[in-house]
Amino acid sequence: MYPNPVTSGLINLSFINSPESAAVYELHAMNGTLIRSRIVTITENATLQIPVEDLTAGSYILSLKTNQGLGARKIVVR
């Protein structure tokens, strides 16, 4: 995941040697409020771009759920 902190309006998630699969990403405010949820298709060696230009500066939690598991990271938008 890059860049973090985000200044360009986009978060990039790179998938290296990942099998093709459906995934769900969710973006939450630090208070737990769901801001955005999307179903996406991940392909091998692809980069998923998530737009965040509409977010105010601050910290957020980005989670990604695939058939391989769930991961979450704190992101900072400037």
Protein backbone atom coordinates (compact mmCIF):
# COMPACT_ATOMS: atom_id res chain seq x y z
CA MET A 1 0.00 0.00 0.00
CA TYR A 2 1.43 3.33 -1.03
CA PRO A 3 1.74 6.23 -0.62
CA ASN A 4 1.08 6.66 3.07
CA PRO A 5 0.53 9.46 3.96
CA VAL A 6 -1.61 10.13 0.91
CA THR A 7 -1.16 13.47 -0.82
CA SER A 8 -2.07 12.54 -4.41
CA GLY A 9 -5.74 11.58 -3.96
CA LEU A 10 -5.10 7.88 -4.68
CA ILE A 11 -4.06 4.88 -2.58
CA ASN A 12 -2.38 2.08 -4.51
CA LEU A 13 -2.61 -1.55 -3.42
CA SER A 14 -0.21 -3.86 -5.25
CA PHE A 15 -0.85 -7.58 -5.54
CA ILE A 16 2.19 -9.65 -6.39
CA ASN A 17 1.75 -13.34 -7.20
CA SER A 18 -1.87 -13.17 -6.07
CA PRO A 19 -4.41 -15.49 -7.66
CA GLU A 20 -7.35 -13.83 -9.37
CA SER A 21 -10.19 -13.41 -6.93
CA ALA A 22 -13.00 -11.16 -5.81
CA ALA A 23 -12.36 -8.90 -2.85
CA VAL A 24 -14.13 -6.27 -0.78
CA TYR A 25 -12.41 -3.14 0.42
CA GLU A 26 -13.84 -0.91 3.10
CA LEU A 27 -12.74 2.52 4.18
CA HIS A 28 -13.66 3.55 7.73
CA ALA A 29 -13.25 6.76 9.70
CA MET A 30 -11.34 6.32 12.95
CA ASN A 31 -14.65 6.36 14.84
CA GLY A 32 -15.77 3.25 12.91
CA THR A 33 -18.12 4.97 10.46
CA LEU A 34 -18.13 3.21 7.09
CA ILE A 35 -17.21 5.72 4.39
CA ARG A 36 -16.96 3.47 1.37
CA SER A 37 -17.29 -0.21 0.50
CA ARG A 38 -16.59 -1.72 -2.92
CA ILE A 39 -16.39 -5.16 -4.48
CA VAL A 40 -13.36 -5.44 -6.75
CA THR A 41 -11.59 -8.11 -8.78
CA ILE A 42 -7.94 -8.69 -7.98
CA THR A 43 -5.74 -10.04 -10.73
CA GLU A 44 -2.22 -11.41 -10.53
CA ASN A 45 0.46 -8.71 -10.34
CA ALA A 46 -2.11 -5.90 -10.52
CA THR A 47 -2.39 -2.58 -8.73
CA LEU A 48 -5.74 -1.44 -7.38
CA GLN A 49 -6.18 2.32 -7.13
CA ILE A 50 -8.58 3.63 -4.51
CA PRO A 51 -9.65 7.27 -4.84
CA VAL A 52 -9.51 9.32 -1.64
CA GLU A 53 -9.52 12.87 -3.03
CA ASP A 54 -12.97 13.45 -1.52
CA LEU A 55 -11.76 12.75 2.04
CA THR A 56 -10.82 15.45 4.50
CA ALA A 57 -7.34 15.36 5.97
CA GLY A 58 -7.06 12.83 8.77
CA SER A 59 -6.60 9.15 9.63
CA TYR A 60 -8.68 6.27 8.27
CA ILE A 61 -8.70 2.47 8.31
CA LEU A 62 -8.58 0.65 4.97
CA SER A 63 -9.49 -3.04 5.09
CA LEU A 64 -9.37 -5.64 2.33
CA LYS A 65 -11.14 -8.99 2.56
CA THR A 66 -10.30 -11.77 0.10
CA ASN A 67 -10.73 -15.52 0.11
CA GLN A 68 -7.21 -15.61 1.58
CA GLY A 69 -8.11 -13.52 4.62
CA LEU A 70 -8.65 -10.03 5.98
CA GLY A 71 -6.09 -7.26 6.35
CA ALA A 72 -6.41 -3.70 7.62
CA ARG A 73 -4.08 -0.70 7.67
CA LYS A 74 -4.24 2.83 8.98
CA ILE A 75 -3.88 5.45 6.26
CA VAL A 76 -3.28 9.16 6.65
CA VAL A 77 -4.74 11.63 4.17
CA ARG A 78 -3.11 15.05 3.97
